[in-house]
Amino acid sequence: MVTGPIEDKRRYRQYKARTQRLPATYHTAIDALQRYLRFFRPSDKADSLLATLEDLADLFEQSAANGTPLREVVGGTRWSSPRRCLRTTRRVSGSAGSGNG
């Protein structure tokens, strides 16, 4: 079995090809989640990120095939914007230690 950077690139290209075949709204959502995961991924290892992305592609493919509305896949409005969620998390965690309430 081939491992290392060449295998990682092959897996990533396969993942991107899978996401290109998704309906437009699913494709847009999975691209946004991928950008988010670049900064907040589980570890520094490429294999871990690729496994997460492949699982995400599985979820989106199954949901699209079943006709599941995108909102049910990614959650309600609270999770519609990873950036907004991050701001909320920072605000809550920042205020907890400041003593300001």
N, C-alpha and C. Protein backbone atom coordinates (compact mmCIF):
# COMPACT_ATOMS: atom_id res chain seq x y z
N MET A 1 0.84 -1.18 0.00
CA MET A 1 0.00 0.00 0.00
C MET A 1 0.88 1.24 0.00
N VAL A 2 0.51 2.22 -0.80
CA VAL A 2 1.26 3.47 -0.88
C VAL A 2 0.83 4.37 0.27
N THR A 3 1.80 4.95 0.96
CA THR A 3 1.50 5.88 2.04
C THR A 3 2.34 7.12 1.85
N GLY A 4 2.05 8.15 2.63
CA GLY A 4 2.83 9.36 2.58
C GLY A 4 2.15 10.44 1.74
N PRO A 5 2.92 11.47 1.39
CA PRO A 5 2.36 12.63 0.70
C PRO A 5 1.64 12.30 -0.61
N ILE A 6 2.15 11.35 -1.38
CA ILE A 6 1.50 11.01 -2.66
C ILE A 6 0.14 10.39 -2.40
N GLU A 7 0.06 9.50 -1.45
CA GLU A 7 -1.22 8.87 -1.10
C GLU A 7 -2.18 9.91 -0.54
N ASP A 8 -1.68 10.84 0.27
CA ASP A 8 -2.53 11.90 0.82
C ASP A 8 -3.11 12.76 -0.29
N LYS A 9 -2.30 13.11 -1.27
CA LYS A 9 -2.79 13.91 -2.40
C LYS A 9 -3.85 13.16 -3.19
N ARG A 10 -3.66 11.87 -3.38
CA ARG A 10 -4.63 11.07 -4.11
C ARG A 10 -5.96 11.04 -3.35
N ARG A 11 -5.89 10.82 -2.06
CA ARG A 11 -7.10 10.80 -1.24
C ARG A 11 -7.81 12.14 -1.27
N TYR A 12 -7.04 13.23 -1.20
CA TYR A 12 -7.63 14.57 -1.21
C TYR A 12 -8.31 14.83 -2.56
N ARG A 13 -7.67 14.45 -3.65
CA ARG A 13 -8.29 14.63 -4.97
C ARG A 13 -9.57 13.82 -5.10
N GLN A 14 -9.58 12.61 -4.57
CA GLN A 14 -10.80 11.80 -4.59
C GLN A 14 -11.91 12.47 -3.77
N TYR A 15 -11.53 13.00 -2.62
CA TYR A 15 -12.51 13.71 -1.79
C TYR A 15 -13.09 14.90 -2.54
N LYS A 16 -12.24 15.71 -3.17
CA LYS A 16 -12.71 16.89 -3.92
C LYS A 16 -13.62 16.47 -5.07
N ALA A 17 -13.29 15.39 -5.76
CA ALA A 17 -14.13 14.91 -6.86
C ALA A 17 -15.51 14.50 -6.32
N ARG A 18 -15.54 13.88 -5.16
CA ARG A 18 -16.82 13.49 -4.55
C ARG A 18 -17.65 14.72 -4.22
N THR A 19 -17.02 15.74 -3.66
CA THR A 19 -17.77 16.93 -3.26
C THR A 19 -18.26 17.72 -4.47
N GLN A 20 -17.53 17.66 -5.58
CA GLN A 20 -17.95 18.36 -6.80
C GLN A 20 -19.26 17.78 -7.34
N ARG A 21 -19.52 16.52 -7.08
CA ARG A 21 -20.73 15.86 -7.58
C ARG A 21 -21.96 16.15 -6.71
N LEU A 22 -21.78 16.76 -5.56
CA LEU A 22 -22.90 17.06 -4.68
C LEU A 22 -23.76 18.18 -5.27
N PRO A 23 -25.04 18.27 -4.85
CA PRO A 23 -25.86 19.41 -5.25
C PRO A 23 -25.21 20.72 -4.79
N ALA A 24 -25.53 21.81 -5.45
CA ALA A 24 -24.85 23.10 -5.21
C ALA A 24 -24.86 23.52 -3.74
N THR A 25 -26.00 23.42 -3.07
CA THR A 25 -26.06 23.87 -1.67
C THR A 25 -25.20 22.99 -0.76
N TYR A 26 -25.20 21.70 -1.02
CA TYR A 26 -24.36 20.78 -0.23
C TYR A 26 -22.89 21.06 -0.51
N HIS A 27 -22.58 21.30 -1.78
CA HIS A 27 -21.19 21.58 -2.16
C HIS A 27 -20.69 22.85 -1.47
N THR A 28 -21.50 23.88 -1.46
CA THR A 28 -21.13 25.14 -0.80
C THR A 28 -20.91 24.92 0.69
N ALA A 29 -21.80 24.17 1.32
CA ALA A 29 -21.68 23.93 2.76
C ALA A 29 -20.44 23.11 3.11
N ILE A 30 -20.16 22.08 2.33
CA ILE A 30 -19.00 21.24 2.63
C ILE A 30 -17.70 22.01 2.39
N ASP A 31 -17.69 22.91 1.40
CA ASP A 31 -16.50 23.75 1.19
C ASP A 31 -16.26 24.67 2.38
N ALA A 32 -17.35 25.24 2.93
CA ALA A 32 -17.22 26.11 4.10
C ALA A 32 -16.70 25.32 5.30
N LEU A 33 -17.22 24.11 5.50
CA LEU A 33 -16.75 23.29 6.61
C LEU A 33 -15.29 22.89 6.43
N GLN A 34 -14.89 22.64 5.19
CA GLN A 34 -13.50 22.29 4.93
C GLN A 34 -12.58 23.46 5.27
N ARG A 35 -12.98 24.68 4.88
CA ARG A 35 -12.17 25.86 5.24
C ARG A 35 -12.06 25.99 6.75
N TYR A 36 -13.15 25.76 7.45
CA TYR A 36 -13.16 25.83 8.91
C TYR A 36 -12.21 24.79 9.51
N LEU A 37 -12.25 23.58 8.96
CA LEU A 37 -11.41 22.50 9.49
C LEU A 37 -9.93 22.73 9.26
N ARG A 38 -9.58 23.53 8.27
CA ARG A 38 -8.16 23.83 8.05
C ARG A 38 -7.55 24.50 9.27
N PHE A 39 -8.36 25.29 9.96
CA PHE A 39 -7.85 26.01 11.13
C PHE A 39 -8.11 25.28 12.44
N PHE A 40 -9.16 24.50 12.50
CA PHE A 40 -9.56 23.85 13.75
C PHE A 40 -9.69 22.35 13.57
N ARG A 41 -8.70 21.75 12.98
CA ARG A 41 -8.75 20.31 12.73
C ARG A 41 -8.33 19.54 13.98
N PRO A 42 -8.64 18.24 14.00
CA PRO A 42 -8.37 17.44 15.19
C PRO A 42 -6.90 17.32 15.55
N SER A 43 -6.00 17.32 14.57
CA SER A 43 -4.57 17.22 14.86
C SER A 43 -3.78 17.75 13.68
N ASP A 44 -2.47 17.72 13.79
CA ASP A 44 -1.60 18.20 12.72
C ASP A 44 -1.37 17.16 11.63
N LYS A 45 -1.83 15.96 11.83
CA LYS A 45 -1.56 14.89 10.88
C LYS A 45 -2.53 14.97 9.70
N ALA A 46 -2.00 14.87 8.50
CA ALA A 46 -2.82 14.93 7.29
C ALA A 46 -3.81 13.78 7.24
N ASP A 47 -3.39 12.62 7.72
CA ASP A 47 -4.27 11.45 7.69
C ASP A 47 -5.53 11.68 8.51
N SER A 48 -5.39 12.33 9.64
CA SER A 48 -6.53 12.62 10.49
C SER A 48 -7.49 13.58 9.80
N LEU A 49 -6.96 14.63 9.19
CA LEU A 49 -7.79 15.59 8.47
C LEU A 49 -8.48 14.92 7.29
N LEU A 50 -7.75 14.11 6.54
CA LEU A 50 -8.34 13.42 5.40
C LEU A 50 -9.45 12.47 5.83
N ALA A 51 -9.25 11.77 6.92
CA ALA A 51 -10.29 10.87 7.42
C ALA A 51 -11.54 11.66 7.81
N THR A 52 -11.35 12.82 8.44
CA THR A 52 -12.48 13.67 8.81
C THR A 52 -13.21 14.17 7.57
N LEU A 53 -12.46 14.61 6.57
CA LEU A 53 -13.07 15.10 5.33
C LEU A 53 -13.82 13.99 4.60
N GLU A 54 -13.25 12.79 4.58
CA GLU A 54 -13.92 11.66 3.92
C GLU A 54 -15.21 11.29 4.65
N ASP A 55 -15.19 11.33 5.98
CA ASP A 55 -16.41 11.07 6.75
C ASP A 55 -17.46 12.15 6.47
N LEU A 56 -17.01 13.38 6.36
CA LEU A 56 -17.91 14.48 6.05
C LEU A 56 -18.53 14.29 4.66
N ALA A 57 -17.73 13.88 3.70
CA ALA A 57 -18.24 13.62 2.35
C ALA A 57 -19.25 12.48 2.38
N ASP A 58 -18.99 11.43 3.16
CA ASP A 58 -19.95 10.32 3.31
C ASP A 58 -21.30 10.85 3.82
N LEU A 59 -21.24 11.66 4.87
CA LEU A 59 -22.45 12.22 5.46
C LEU A 59 -23.24 13.04 4.45
N PHE A 60 -22.55 13.91 3.72
CA PHE A 60 -23.23 14.77 2.76
C PHE A 60 -23.77 13.98 1.57
N GLU A 61 -23.03 12.99 1.12
CA GLU A 61 -23.51 12.15 0.01
C GLU A 61 -24.77 11.39 0.41
N GLN A 62 -24.75 10.79 1.59
CA GLN A 62 -25.92 10.05 2.06
C GLN A 62 -27.11 10.97 2.26
N SER A 63 -26.87 12.15 2.80
CA SER A 63 -27.95 13.10 3.03
C SER A 63 -28.55 13.59 1.71
N ALA A 64 -27.70 13.86 0.73
CA ALA A 64 -28.19 14.30 -0.58
C ALA A 64 -28.98 13.18 -1.24
N ALA A 65 -28.52 11.95 -1.14
CA ALA A 65 -29.20 10.81 -1.74
C ALA A 65 -30.57 10.58 -1.09
N ASN A 66 -30.66 10.83 0.21
CA ASN A 66 -31.92 10.65 0.94
C ASN A 66 -32.85 11.85 0.82
N GLY A 67 -32.33 12.95 0.26
CA GLY A 67 -33.13 14.16 0.15
C GLY A 67 -33.27 14.91 1.46
N THR A 68 -32.35 14.69 2.38
CA THR A 68 -32.38 15.37 3.67
C THR A 68 -32.08 16.85 3.47
N PRO A 69 -32.92 17.73 4.01
CA PRO A 69 -32.65 19.17 3.88
C PRO A 69 -31.30 19.51 4.53
N LEU A 70 -30.60 20.43 3.91
CA LEU A 70 -29.26 20.80 4.37
C LEU A 70 -29.28 21.29 5.82
N ARG A 71 -30.32 22.01 6.20
CA ARG A 71 -30.43 22.50 7.59
C ARG A 71 -30.38 21.36 8.60
N GLU A 72 -30.95 20.22 8.24
CA GLU A 72 -30.93 19.08 9.15
C GLU A 72 -29.54 18.44 9.22
N VAL A 73 -28.76 18.61 8.17
CA VAL A 73 -27.42 18.04 8.15
C VAL A 73 -26.47 18.88 8.98
N VAL A 74 -26.50 20.19 8.78
CA VAL A 74 -25.54 21.07 9.45
C VAL A 74 -26.08 21.69 10.72
N GLY A 75 -27.36 21.51 10.99
CA GLY A 75 -27.95 22.05 12.20
C GLY A 75 -28.75 23.30 11.91
N GLY A 76 -29.30 23.86 12.96
CA GLY A 76 -30.12 25.07 12.85
C GLY A 76 -29.28 26.30 12.58
N THR A 77 -29.89 27.45 12.76
CA THR A 77 -29.21 28.71 12.47
C THR A 77 -28.00 28.94 13.37
N ARG A 78 -27.99 28.36 14.54
CA ARG A 78 -26.84 28.54 15.44
C ARG A 78 -25.55 28.04 14.78
N TRP A 79 -25.61 26.97 14.00
CA TRP A 79 -24.42 26.39 13.40
C TRP A 79 -24.28 26.77 11.93
N SER A 80 -25.11 27.63 11.43
CA SER A 80 -25.04 27.98 10.01
C SER A 80 -23.79 28.78 9.69
N SER A 81 -23.20 29.42 10.68
CA SER A 81 -22.01 30.21 10.45
C SER A 81 -20.93 29.82 11.45
N PRO A 82 -19.92 29.05 11.00
CA PRO A 82 -18.84 28.69 11.94
C PRO A 82 -18.17 29.92 12.54
N ARG A 83 -18.06 31.00 11.77
CA ARG A 83 -17.42 32.21 12.27
C ARG A 83 -18.24 32.80 13.41
N ARG A 84 -19.58 32.86 13.25
CA ARG A 84 -20.42 33.41 14.30
C ARG A 84 -20.35 32.53 15.54
N CYS A 85 -20.35 31.23 15.35
CA CYS A 85 -20.25 30.30 16.47
C CYS A 85 -18.93 30.50 17.20
N LEU A 86 -17.84 30.69 16.45
CA LEU A 86 -16.53 30.90 17.06
C LEU A 86 -16.51 32.19 17.87
N ARG A 87 -17.11 33.26 17.33
CA ARG A 87 -17.17 34.52 18.07
C ARG A 87 -17.92 34.33 19.37
N THR A 88 -19.03 33.59 19.34
CA THR A 88 -19.81 33.34 20.54
C THR A 88 -18.98 32.55 21.55
N THR A 89 -18.26 31.54 21.09
CA THR A 89 -17.43 30.72 21.97
C THR A 89 -16.34 31.56 22.62
N ARG A 90 -15.70 32.40 21.83
CA ARG A 90 -14.64 33.26 22.38
C ARG A 90 -15.19 34.22 23.42
N ARG A 91 -16.37 34.80 23.13
CA ARG A 91 -16.98 35.74 24.05
C ARG A 91 -17.30 35.06 25.37
N VAL A 92 -17.86 33.87 25.32
CA VAL A 92 -18.23 33.15 26.54
C VAL A 92 -16.99 32.74 27.30
N SER A 93 -15.99 32.16 26.62
CA SER A 93 -14.80 31.70 27.33
C SER A 93 -13.97 32.89 27.82
N GLY A 94 -13.95 34.00 27.07
CA GLY A 94 -13.20 35.17 27.49
C GLY A 94 -13.81 35.85 28.70
N SER A 95 -15.13 35.87 28.78
CA SER A 95 -15.78 36.55 29.89
C SER A 95 -15.76 35.71 31.17
N ALA A 96 -15.62 34.41 31.02
CA ALA A 96 -15.65 33.54 32.20
C ALA A 96 -14.47 33.81 33.13
N GLY A 97 -13.30 34.06 32.57
CA GLY A 97 -12.14 34.27 33.41
C GLY A 97 -11.88 35.72 33.76
N SER A 98 -12.64 36.64 33.17
CA SER A 98 -12.33 38.05 33.39
C SER A 98 -12.95 38.61 34.66
N GLY A 99 -14.00 37.94 35.17
CA GLY A 99 -14.65 38.45 36.34
C GLY A 99 -15.65 39.55 36.05
N ASN A 100 -15.88 39.85 34.78
CA ASN A 100 -16.81 40.90 34.40
C ASN A 100 -18.22 40.39 34.23
N GLY A 101 -18.42 39.15 34.47
CA GLY A 101 -19.77 38.71 34.49
C GLY A 101 -20.25 37.75 33.58
